[in-house]
């Protein structure tokens, strides 16, 4: 099992903050400020104005001065940029018309974005597991890490960074890629780091040996030098993945979850592994950082 170098540090020079001016977006703003303070980042606040409905007769685009929706968005964005919570932070705002993901993808490429921070409204519907079409697009398409602030998070003061970070892994290459973010964030905040591996549906008589093997793998992931600045704890659970992650987050009073997610194959079911990340984000008591391989 390969390990990471303790000197490997990540940076977030440019942060994208998509906003729809809702309470969910407002709840995510303190986290954007905290990361900008920690890494000296610049925040790009972006609002997408949906395209006008198609018409059958050719028409010229509505001038911005006569576009009420655009004007309202510009006013709201101007107020947001003047928010005292962003005082002292390098910020830039933009209002763009287009489908959400096309707008965000363009902003990511143009501004060399290294982290997206967004607020989520949570699940929609009684049976369908999803964050809503907007957040779903961001999860599936963004190549940079995404920090999602779910609806069950209790606001807290982030002036001193994070204290308890949980890194959930299935030992895949994608998870190993995400580990560098968990280690770097733990180092920045001198936080406790818990490495979690979940093994569902294992017969009781085999659980001890399976747990011992998995715990040894977890311990090998952490560079020896990293123990000088973080306190890693290895945990193995025999539950369904999302349930285990959420339970441990509550038990440890985690203030950040880090997970690797994999790009879904064209023929694959939408249930796993994306559904695990979605369920965790919807119900997590803390922000969730998802990192795509």
C-alpha atoms as a PDB file:
ATOM      1  CA  UNK A   1       0.000   0.000   0.000  1.00  0.00           C
ATOM      2  CA  UNK A   2       1.663   3.271  -1.083  1.00  0.00           C
ATOM      3  CA  UNK A   3       1.983   6.121   1.394  1.00  0.00           C
ATOM      4  CA  UNK A   4       2.090   9.865   0.940  1.00  0.00           C
ATOM      5  CA  UNK A   5       4.960  12.174   1.683  1.00  0.00           C
ATOM      6  CA  UNK A   6       4.426  14.191   4.843  1.00  0.00           C
ATOM      7  CA  UNK A   7       5.637  17.299   3.027  1.00  0.00           C
ATOM      8  CA  UNK A   8       2.841  17.077   0.474  1.00  0.00           C
ATOM      9  CA  UNK A   9       0.735  20.194   0.964  1.00  0.00           C
ATOM     10  CA  UNK A  10      -2.258  21.366  -1.016  1.00  0.00           C
ATOM     11  CA  UNK A  11      -3.161  24.938  -1.838  1.00  0.00           C
ATOM     12  CA  UNK A  12      -6.398  26.674  -2.687  1.00  0.00           C
ATOM     13  CA  UNK A  13      -5.334  29.884  -4.392  1.00  0.00           C
ATOM     14  CA  UNK A  14      -8.658  30.399  -6.146  1.00  0.00           C
ATOM     15  CA  UNK A  15     -12.027  29.436  -4.660  1.00  0.00           C
ATOM     16  CA  UNK A  16     -15.312  29.397  -6.561  1.00  0.00           C
ATOM     17  CA  UNK A  17     -18.383  30.259  -4.503  1.00  0.00           C
ATOM     18  CA  UNK A  18     -21.590  29.643  -6.498  1.00  0.00           C
ATOM     19  CA  UNK A  19     -24.519  31.495  -4.979  1.00  0.00           C
ATOM     20  CA  UNK A  20     -28.254  31.635  -5.561  1.00  0.00           C
ATOM     21  CA  UNK A  21     -28.621  34.160  -2.693  1.00  0.00           C
ATOM     22  CA  UNK A  22     -30.524  31.588  -0.631  1.00  0.00           C
ATOM     23  CA  UNK A  23     -30.134  30.728   3.061  1.00  0.00           C
ATOM     24  CA  UNK A  24     -28.164  27.645   2.023  1.00  0.00           C
ATOM     25  CA  UNK A  25     -25.644  29.768   0.144  1.00  0.00           C
ATOM     26  CA  UNK A  26     -25.455  32.230   3.021  1.00  0.00           C
ATOM     27  CA  UNK A  27     -24.675  29.395   5.453  1.00  0.00           C
ATOM     28  CA  UNK A  28     -21.688  28.393   3.304  1.00  0.00           C
ATOM     29  CA  UNK A  29     -20.146  31.872   3.234  1.00  0.00           C
ATOM     30  CA  UNK A  30     -18.264  31.583   6.580  1.00  0.00           C
ATOM     31  CA  UNK A  31     -16.523  28.470   5.253  1.00  0.00           C
ATOM     32  CA  UNK A  32     -15.413  30.296   2.123  1.00  0.00           C
ATOM     33  CA  UNK A  33     -14.016  33.045   4.343  1.00  0.00           C
ATOM     34  CA  UNK A  34     -12.254  30.514   6.599  1.00  0.00           C
ATOM     35  CA  UNK A  35     -10.547  28.767   3.691  1.00  0.00           C
ATOM     36  CA  UNK A  36      -9.589  32.087   2.105  1.00  0.00           C
ATOM     37  CA  UNK A  37      -8.039  33.214   5.388  1.00  0.00           C
ATOM     38  CA  UNK A  38      -6.221  29.919   5.880  1.00  0.00           C
ATOM     39  CA  UNK A  39      -4.768  29.738   2.367  1.00  0.00           C
ATOM     40  CA  UNK A  40      -4.681  33.377   1.292  1.00  0.00           C
ATOM     41  CA  UNK A  41      -7.199  32.567  -1.429  1.00  0.00           C
ATOM     42  CA  UNK A  42      -9.209  34.747  -3.738  1.00  0.00           C
ATOM     43  CA  UNK A  43     -12.949  34.046  -3.831  1.00  0.00           C
ATOM     44  CA  UNK A  44     -14.889  34.209  -7.086  1.00  0.00           C
ATOM     45  CA  UNK A  45     -18.573  34.679  -6.268  1.00  0.00           C
ATOM     46  CA  UNK A  46     -20.655  33.540  -9.234  1.00  0.00           C
ATOM     47  CA  UNK A  47     -24.373  33.641  -9.911  1.00  0.00           C
ATOM     48  CA  UNK A  48     -25.963  31.997 -12.942  1.00  0.00           C
ATOM     49  CA  UNK A  49     -29.046  33.606 -14.454  1.00  0.00           C
ATOM     50  CA  UNK A  50     -30.991  30.942 -16.284  1.00  0.00           C
ATOM     51  CA  UNK A  51     -31.448  31.393 -20.037  1.00  0.00           C
ATOM     52  CA  UNK A  52     -34.693  32.888 -21.262  1.00  0.00           C
ATOM     53  CA  UNK A  53     -37.296  30.312 -22.347  1.00  0.00           C
ATOM     54  CA  UNK A  54     -36.961  29.454 -26.027  1.00  0.00           C
ATOM     55  CA  UNK A  55     -39.240  31.316 -28.414  1.00  0.00           C
ATOM     56  CA  UNK A  56     -40.324  30.372 -31.907  1.00  0.00           C
ATOM     57  CA  UNK A  57     -39.760  33.820 -33.412  1.00  0.00           C
ATOM     58  CA  UNK A  58     -36.211  35.171 -33.666  1.00  0.00           C
ATOM     59  CA  UNK A  59     -35.657  37.940 -31.150  1.00  0.00           C
ATOM     60  CA  UNK A  60     -32.748  40.084 -30.083  1.00  0.00           C
ATOM     61  CA  UNK A  61     -31.418  39.453 -26.561  1.00  0.00           C
ATOM     62  CA  UNK A  62     -33.002  41.646 -23.903  1.00  0.00           C
ATOM     63  CA  UNK A  63     -30.689  44.584 -23.056  1.00  0.00           C
ATOM     64  CA  UNK A  64     -29.229  44.239 -19.566  1.00  0.00           C
ATOM     65  CA  UNK A  65     -30.769  47.569 -18.562  1.00  0.00           C
ATOM     66  CA  UNK A  66     -34.259  46.154 -19.278  1.00  0.00           C
ATOM     67  CA  UNK A  67     -33.627  42.667 -17.857  1.00  0.00           C
ATOM     68  CA  UNK A  68     -35.187  42.704 -14.383  1.00  0.00           C
ATOM     69  CA  UNK A  69     -33.842  39.301 -13.397  1.00  0.00           C
ATOM     70  CA  UNK A  70     -30.316  40.237 -14.392  1.00  0.00           C
ATOM     71  CA  UNK A  71     -30.545  43.620 -12.659  1.00  0.00           C
ATOM     72  CA  UNK A  72     -31.819  42.025  -9.438  1.00  0.00           C
ATOM     73  CA  UNK A  73     -28.981  39.497  -9.481  1.00  0.00           C
ATOM     74  CA  UNK A  74     -26.403  42.230 -10.013  1.00  0.00           C
ATOM     75  CA  UNK A  75     -27.766  44.211  -7.043  1.00  0.00           C
ATOM     76  CA  UNK A  76     -27.733  41.147  -4.790  1.00  0.00           C
ATOM     77  CA  UNK A  77     -24.218  40.227  -5.839  1.00  0.00           C
ATOM     78  CA  UNK A  78     -23.017  43.769  -5.144  1.00  0.00           C
ATOM     79  CA  UNK A  79     -24.485  43.568  -1.637  1.00  0.00           C
ATOM     80  CA  UNK A  80     -22.857  40.189  -1.089  1.00  0.00           C
ATOM     81  CA  UNK A  81     -19.444  41.510  -2.090  1.00  0.00           C
ATOM     82  CA  UNK A  82     -19.894  44.265   0.502  1.00  0.00           C
ATOM     83  CA  UNK A  83     -20.779  41.759   3.248  1.00  0.00           C
ATOM     84  CA  UNK A  84     -18.648  42.352   6.352  1.00  0.00           C
ATOM     85  CA  UNK A  85     -17.883  38.643   6.545  1.00  0.00           C
ATOM     86  CA  UNK A  86     -15.762  39.099   3.427  1.00  0.00           C
ATOM     87  CA  UNK A  87     -13.870  42.094   4.776  1.00  0.00           C
ATOM     88  CA  UNK A  88     -10.161  41.712   4.114  1.00  0.00           C
ATOM     89  CA  UNK A  89     -10.711  38.887   1.610  1.00  0.00           C
ATOM     90  CA  UNK A  90      -9.822  39.223  -2.064  1.00  0.00           C
ATOM     91  CA  UNK A  91     -13.119  38.786  -3.900  1.00  0.00           C
ATOM     92  CA  UNK A  92     -14.510  39.118  -7.384  1.00  0.00           C
ATOM     93  CA  UNK A  93     -18.133  38.751  -8.429  1.00  0.00           C
ATOM     94  CA  UNK A  94     -19.735  37.854 -11.725  1.00  0.00           C
ATOM     95  CA  UNK A  95     -23.256  37.359 -13.002  1.00  0.00           C
ATOM     96  CA  UNK A  96     -23.547  35.202 -16.092  1.00  0.00           C
ATOM     97  CA  UNK A  97     -26.500  33.986 -18.101  1.00  0.00           C
ATOM     98  CA  UNK A  98     -26.591  30.296 -18.953  1.00  0.00           C
ATOM     99  CA  UNK A  99     -27.160  26.829 -17.593  1.00  0.00           C
ATOM    100  CA  UNK A 100     -25.593  26.498 -14.163  1.00  0.00           C
ATOM    101  CA  UNK A 101     -22.892  23.959 -14.914  1.00  0.00           C
ATOM    102  CA  UNK A 102     -21.845  25.712 -18.142  1.00  0.00           C
ATOM    103  CA  UNK A 103     -21.468  28.957 -16.199  1.00  0.00           C
ATOM    104  CA  UNK A 104     -19.496  27.319 -13.397  1.00  0.00           C
ATOM    105  CA  UNK A 105     -17.302  25.287 -15.726  1.00  0.00           C
ATOM    106  CA  UNK A 106     -16.344  28.441 -17.584  1.00  0.00           C
ATOM    107  CA  UNK A 107     -15.571  30.184 -14.282  1.00  0.00           C
ATOM    108  CA  UNK A 108     -13.454  27.224 -13.147  1.00  0.00           C
ATOM    109  CA  UNK A 109     -11.381  27.253 -16.330  1.00  0.00           C
ATOM    110  CA  UNK A 110     -11.059  31.039 -16.562  1.00  0.00           C
ATOM    111  CA  UNK A 111     -10.011  31.534 -12.950  1.00  0.00           C
ATOM    112  CA  UNK A 112      -7.973  28.344 -12.389  1.00  0.00           C
ATOM    113  CA  UNK A 113     -10.289  27.354  -9.559  1.00  0.00           C
ATOM    114  CA  UNK A 114      -8.879  24.804  -7.110  1.00  0.00           C
ATOM    115  CA  UNK A 115     -11.837  24.492  -4.724  1.00  0.00           C
ATOM    116  CA  UNK A 116     -15.606  24.937  -4.944  1.00  0.00           C
ATOM    117  CA  UNK A 117     -17.554  25.821  -1.801  1.00  0.00           C
ATOM    118  CA  UNK A 118     -21.344  25.682  -1.949  1.00  0.00           C
ATOM    119  CA  UNK A 119     -24.406  25.389   0.224  1.00  0.00           C
ATOM    120  CA  UNK A 120     -26.898  22.577  -0.301  1.00  0.00           C
ATOM    121  CA  UNK A 121     -30.631  22.512   0.340  1.00  0.00           C
ATOM    122  CA  UNK A 122     -30.488  18.760   1.003  1.00  0.00           C
ATOM    123  CA  UNK A 123     -32.687  15.954  -0.268  1.00  0.00           C
ATOM    124  CA  UNK A 124     -35.693  16.503  -2.482  1.00  0.00           C
ATOM    125  CA  UNK A 125     -38.434  13.960  -2.721  1.00  0.00           C
ATOM    126  CA  UNK A 126     -39.343  11.084  -0.404  1.00  0.00           C
ATOM    127  CA  UNK A 127     -37.545   8.267  -2.178  1.00  0.00           C
ATOM    128  CA  UNK A 128     -35.116   9.757  -4.646  1.00  0.00           C
ATOM    129  CA  UNK A 129     -31.684  10.237  -3.125  1.00  0.00           C
ATOM    130  CA  UNK A 130     -30.247  13.437  -4.523  1.00  0.00           C
ATOM    131  CA  UNK A 131     -29.107  16.904  -3.573  1.00  0.00           C
ATOM    132  CA  UNK A 132     -31.105  18.520  -6.311  1.00  0.00           C
ATOM    133  CA  UNK A 133     -30.148  18.924  -9.947  1.00  0.00           C
ATOM    134  CA  UNK A 134     -27.844  21.905  -9.376  1.00  0.00           C
ATOM    135  CA  UNK A 135     -25.629  20.386  -6.692  1.00  0.00           C
ATOM    136  CA  UNK A 136     -25.749  17.049  -8.478  1.00  0.00           C
ATOM    137  CA  UNK A 137     -24.218  18.573 -11.599  1.00  0.00           C
ATOM    138  CA  UNK A 138     -21.414  20.117  -9.583  1.00  0.00           C
ATOM    139  CA  UNK A 139     -20.647  16.847  -7.802  1.00  0.00           C
ATOM    140  CA  UNK A 140     -20.549  14.829 -10.970  1.00  0.00           C
ATOM    141  CA  UNK A 141     -18.608  17.208 -13.206  1.00  0.00           C
ATOM    142  CA  UNK A 142     -16.204  19.257 -11.088  1.00  0.00           C
ATOM    143  CA  UNK A 143     -12.617  18.107 -11.393  1.00  0.00           C
ATOM    144  CA  UNK A 144     -11.468  20.124  -8.388  1.00  0.00           C
ATOM    145  CA  UNK A 145     -12.487  19.319  -4.785  1.00  0.00           C
ATOM    146  CA  UNK A 146     -15.956  20.406  -3.693  1.00  0.00           C
ATOM    147  CA  UNK A 147     -16.779  21.469  -0.132  1.00  0.00           C
ATOM    148  CA  UNK A 148     -20.527  21.147   0.435  1.00  0.00           C
ATOM    149  CA  UNK A 149     -22.272  22.719   3.398  1.00  0.00           C
ATOM    150  CA  UNK A 150     -25.392  20.651   3.992  1.00  0.00           C
ATOM    151  CA  UNK A 151     -28.646  21.711   5.640  1.00  0.00           C
ATOM    152  CA  UNK A 152     -28.000  19.941   8.971  1.00  0.00           C
ATOM    153  CA  UNK A 153     -24.800  21.775   9.832  1.00  0.00           C
ATOM    154  CA  UNK A 154     -24.841  23.951  12.930  1.00  0.00           C
ATOM    155  CA  UNK A 155     -22.970  27.224  12.242  1.00  0.00           C
ATOM    156  CA  UNK A 156     -19.731  27.558  14.189  1.00  0.00           C
ATOM    157  CA  UNK A 157     -16.799  29.899  14.572  1.00  0.00           C
ATOM    158  CA  UNK A 158     -14.030  28.816  12.210  1.00  0.00           C
ATOM    159  CA  UNK A 159     -11.411  31.275  13.383  1.00  0.00           C
ATOM    160  CA  UNK A 160      -9.176  28.510  14.723  1.00  0.00           C
ATOM    161  CA  UNK A 161      -9.733  26.048  11.875  1.00  0.00           C
ATOM    162  CA  UNK A 162     -10.810  22.428  12.213  1.00  0.00           C
ATOM    163  CA  UNK A 163     -10.389  20.195  15.262  1.00  0.00           C
ATOM    164  CA  UNK A 164     -11.668  16.768  14.230  1.00  0.00           C
ATOM    165  CA  UNK A 165     -11.340  15.566  10.638  1.00  0.00           C
ATOM    166  CA  UNK A 166     -12.621  12.211   9.375  1.00  0.00           C
ATOM    167  CA  UNK A 167     -11.237  10.677   6.198  1.00  0.00           C
ATOM    168  CA  UNK A 168     -13.375   7.855   4.783  1.00  0.00           C
ATOM    169  CA  UNK A 169     -11.609   5.483   2.397  1.00  0.00           C
ATOM    170  CA  UNK A 170     -12.244   2.307   0.422  1.00  0.00           C
ATOM    171  CA  UNK A 171      -8.499   1.978  -0.361  1.00  0.00           C
ATOM    172  CA  UNK A 172      -9.026   2.911  -3.990  1.00  0.00           C
ATOM    173  CA  UNK A 173      -6.647   5.152  -5.918  1.00  0.00           C
ATOM    174  CA  UNK A 174      -9.251   7.906  -5.737  1.00  0.00           C
ATOM    175  CA  UNK A 175      -9.338   7.672  -1.963  1.00  0.00           C
ATOM    176  CA  UNK A 176      -5.560   7.872  -1.779  1.00  0.00           C
ATOM    177  CA  UNK A 177      -5.694  11.022  -3.892  1.00  0.00           C
ATOM    178  CA  UNK A 178      -8.196  12.526  -1.443  1.00  0.00           C
ATOM    179  CA  UNK A 179      -5.997  11.619   1.524  1.00  0.00           C
ATOM    180  CA  UNK A 180      -3.512  14.347   0.680  1.00  0.00           C
ATOM    181  CA  UNK A 181      -6.251  16.913   1.301  1.00  0.00           C
ATOM    182  CA  UNK A 182      -7.205  15.356   4.633  1.00  0.00           C
ATOM    183  CA  UNK A 183      -3.561  15.292   5.752  1.00  0.00           C
ATOM    184  CA  UNK A 184      -2.868  18.833   4.610  1.00  0.00           C
ATOM    185  CA  UNK A 185      -5.973  20.243   6.299  1.00  0.00           C
ATOM    186  CA  UNK A 186      -5.150  18.345   9.487  1.00  0.00           C
ATOM    187  CA  UNK A 187      -1.641  19.802   9.429  1.00  0.00           C
ATOM    188  CA  UNK A 188      -2.864  23.349   8.801  1.00  0.00           C
ATOM    189  CA  UNK A 189      -5.209  23.181  11.808  1.00  0.00           C
ATOM    190  CA  UNK A 190      -3.199  20.768  13.979  1.00  0.00           C
ATOM    191  CA  UNK A 191      -6.373  18.669  14.007  1.00  0.00           C
ATOM    192  CA  UNK A 192      -7.128  15.130  15.059  1.00  0.00           C
ATOM    193  CA  UNK A 193      -7.423  12.892  11.994  1.00  0.00           C
ATOM    194  CA  UNK A 194      -9.555   9.743  11.964  1.00  0.00           C
ATOM    195  CA  UNK A 195      -9.147   7.302   9.080  1.00  0.00           C
ATOM    196  CA  UNK A 196     -12.277   5.214   8.525  1.00  0.00           C
ATOM    197  CA  UNK A 197     -12.795   2.084   6.456  1.00  0.00           C
ATOM    198  CA  UNK A 198     -16.218   0.453   6.243  1.00  0.00           C
ATOM    199  CA  UNK A 199     -16.740  -3.251   5.526  1.00  0.00           C
ATOM    200  CA  UNK A 200     -20.433  -4.098   5.062  1.00  0.00           C
ATOM    201  CA  UNK A 201     -21.953  -7.578   5.177  1.00  0.00           C
ATOM    202  CA  UNK A 202     -19.085  -9.502   6.799  1.00  0.00           C
ATOM    203  CA  UNK A 203     -20.018 -12.626   8.829  1.00  0.00           C
ATOM    204  CA  UNK A 204     -19.433 -12.185  12.544  1.00  0.00           C
ATOM    205  CA  UNK A 205     -16.816 -14.950  12.694  1.00  0.00           C
ATOM    206  CA  UNK A 206     -14.657 -13.138  10.130  1.00  0.00           C
ATOM    207  CA  UNK A 207     -14.940  -9.616  11.496  1.00  0.00           C
ATOM    208  CA  UNK A 208     -11.906  -9.712  13.822  1.00  0.00           C
ATOM    209  CA  UNK A 209      -9.494 -10.796  11.092  1.00  0.00           C
ATOM    210  CA  UNK A 210     -11.024  -8.404   8.561  1.00  0.00           C
ATOM    211  CA  UNK A 211     -10.788  -5.516  11.007  1.00  0.00           C
ATOM    212  CA  UNK A 212      -7.157  -6.262  11.837  1.00  0.00           C
ATOM    213  CA  UNK A 213      -6.194  -6.395   8.171  1.00  0.00           C
ATOM    214  CA  UNK A 214      -8.050  -3.192   7.311  1.00  0.00           C
ATOM    215  CA  UNK A 215      -6.628  -1.328  10.303  1.00  0.00           C
ATOM    216  CA  UNK A 216      -3.097  -2.287   9.255  1.00  0.00           C
ATOM    217  CA  UNK A 217      -3.820  -0.893   5.775  1.00  0.00           C
ATOM    218  CA  UNK A 218      -5.127   2.338   7.277  1.00  0.00           C
ATOM    219  CA  UNK A 219      -2.034   2.776   9.419  1.00  0.00           C
ATOM    220  CA  UNK A 220       0.216   2.307   6.370  1.00  0.00           C
ATOM    221  CA  UNK A 221      -1.491   5.212   4.632  1.00  0.00           C
ATOM    222  CA  UNK A 222      -0.176   7.784   7.114  1.00  0.00           C
ATOM    223  CA  UNK A 223       3.448   8.915   6.708  1.00  0.00           C
ATOM    224  CA  UNK A 224       5.474   8.503   9.899  1.00  0.00           C
ATOM    225  CA  UNK A 225       6.483  12.154   9.839  1.00  0.00           C
ATOM    226  CA  UNK A 226       2.834  13.182   9.787  1.00  0.00           C
ATOM    227  CA  UNK A 227       2.426  11.970  13.356  1.00  0.00           C
ATOM    228  CA  UNK A 228       4.489  14.967  14.471  1.00  0.00           C
ATOM    229  CA  UNK A 229       1.672  17.339  13.580  1.00  0.00           C
ATOM    230  CA  UNK A 230      -1.528  15.297  13.616  1.00  0.00           C
ATOM    231  CA  UNK A 231      -3.000  12.567  15.786  1.00  0.00           C
ATOM    232  CA  UNK A 232      -4.215   9.836  13.413  1.00  0.00           C
ATOM    233  CA  UNK A 233      -6.707   7.260  14.666  1.00  0.00           C
ATOM    234  CA  UNK A 234      -7.707   4.241  12.562  1.00  0.00           C
ATOM    235  CA  UNK A 235     -11.276   2.938  12.743  1.00  0.00           C
ATOM    236  CA  UNK A 236     -12.928  -0.021  11.004  1.00  0.00           C
ATOM    237  CA  UNK A 237     -16.721  -0.365  11.013  1.00  0.00           C
ATOM    238  CA  UNK A 238     -19.062  -3.132   9.872  1.00  0.00           C
ATOM    239  CA  UNK A 239     -22.036  -1.114   8.680  1.00  0.00           C
ATOM    240  CA  UNK A 240     -23.367   0.285   5.453  1.00  0.00           C
ATOM    241  CA  UNK A 241     -20.942   3.011   4.276  1.00  0.00           C
ATOM    242  CA  UNK A 242     -23.080   6.135   4.567  1.00  0.00           C
ATOM    243  CA  UNK A 243     -24.513   5.040   7.905  1.00  0.00           C
ATOM    244  CA  UNK A 244     -21.054   4.300   9.307  1.00  0.00           C
ATOM    245  CA  UNK A 245     -19.611   7.625   8.164  1.00  0.00           C
ATOM    246  CA  UNK A 246     -22.496   9.634   9.590  1.00  0.00           C
ATOM    247  CA  UNK A 247     -22.499   7.750  12.895  1.00  0.00           C
ATOM    248  CA  UNK A 248     -18.780   8.254  13.389  1.00  0.00           C
ATOM    249  CA  UNK A 249     -19.041  11.936  12.495  1.00  0.00           C
ATOM    250  CA  UNK A 250     -21.626  12.414  15.241  1.00  0.00           C
ATOM    251  CA  UNK A 251     -19.715  10.333  17.788  1.00  0.00           C
ATOM    252  CA  UNK A 252     -16.446  12.187  17.183  1.00  0.00           C
ATOM    253  CA  UNK A 253     -18.080  15.628  16.835  1.00  0.00           C
ATOM    254  CA  UNK A 254     -16.333  15.926  13.479  1.00  0.00           C
ATOM    255  CA  UNK A 255     -16.108  19.346  11.896  1.00  0.00           C
ATOM    256  CA  UNK A 256     -14.965  18.093   8.480  1.00  0.00           C
ATOM    257  CA  UNK A 257     -15.444  14.916   6.421  1.00  0.00           C
ATOM    258  CA  UNK A 258     -13.137  14.119   3.501  1.00  0.00           C
ATOM    259  CA  UNK A 259     -14.113  11.525   0.880  1.00  0.00           C
ATOM    260  CA  UNK A 260     -12.793  10.401  -2.469  1.00  0.00           C
ATOM    261  CA  UNK A 261     -15.409   9.939  -5.187  1.00  0.00           C
ATOM    262  CA  UNK A 262     -15.019   8.244  -8.528  1.00  0.00           C
ATOM    263  CA  UNK A 263     -16.175   9.364 -11.934  1.00  0.00           C
ATOM    264  CA  UNK A 264     -19.140   7.222 -12.882  1.00  0.00           C
ATOM    265  CA  UNK A 265     -18.820   5.069 -15.969  1.00  0.00           C
ATOM    266  CA  UNK A 266     -21.391   5.712 -18.686  1.00  0.00           C
ATOM    267  CA  UNK A 267     -22.990   2.299 -18.138  1.00  0.00           C
ATOM    268  CA  UNK A 268     -22.865   2.324 -14.347  1.00  0.00           C
ATOM    269  CA  UNK A 269     -25.727   2.598 -11.923  1.00  0.00           C
ATOM    270  CA  UNK A 270     -26.190   5.956 -10.242  1.00  0.00           C
ATOM    271  CA  UNK A 271     -26.554   4.338  -6.832  1.00  0.00           C
ATOM    272  CA  UNK A 272     -22.891   3.826  -5.880  1.00  0.00           C
ATOM    273  CA  UNK A 273     -20.510   5.351  -5.043  1.00  0.00           C
ATOM    274  CA  UNK A 274     -22.210   8.681  -5.713  1.00  0.00           C
ATOM    275  CA  UNK A 275     -25.236   7.873  -3.581  1.00  0.00           C
ATOM    276  CA  UNK A 276     -22.980   7.352  -0.562  1.00  0.00           C
ATOM    277  CA  UNK A 277     -21.468  10.799  -0.981  1.00  0.00           C
ATOM    278  CA  UNK A 278     -24.911  12.333  -1.571  1.00  0.00           C
ATOM    279  CA  UNK A 279     -26.413  10.730   1.516  1.00  0.00           C
ATOM    280  CA  UNK A 280     -23.460  11.773   3.645  1.00  0.00           C
ATOM    281  CA  UNK A 281     -23.606  15.368   2.437  1.00  0.00           C
ATOM    282  CA  UNK A 282     -27.379  15.584   2.957  1.00  0.00           C
ATOM    283  CA  UNK A 283     -27.258  14.310   6.534  1.00  0.00           C
ATOM    284  CA  UNK A 284     -23.770  15.208   7.737  1.00  0.00           C
ATOM    285  CA  UNK A 285     -23.442  17.363  10.840  1.00  0.00           C
ATOM    286  CA  UNK A 286     -20.349  18.997   9.308  1.00  0.00           C
ATOM    287  CA  UNK A 287     -19.061  20.075   5.866  1.00  0.00           C
ATOM    288  CA  UNK A 288     -18.038  17.348   3.413  1.00  0.00           C
ATOM    289  CA  UNK A 289     -15.052  17.699   1.105  1.00  0.00           C
ATOM    290  CA  UNK A 290     -15.400  15.416  -1.909  1.00  0.00           C
ATOM    291  CA  UNK A 291     -12.355  14.849  -4.088  1.00  0.00           C
ATOM    292  CA  UNK A 292     -12.602  13.226  -7.506  1.00  0.00           C
ATOM    293  CA  UNK A 293      -9.873  10.902  -8.687  1.00  0.00           C
END
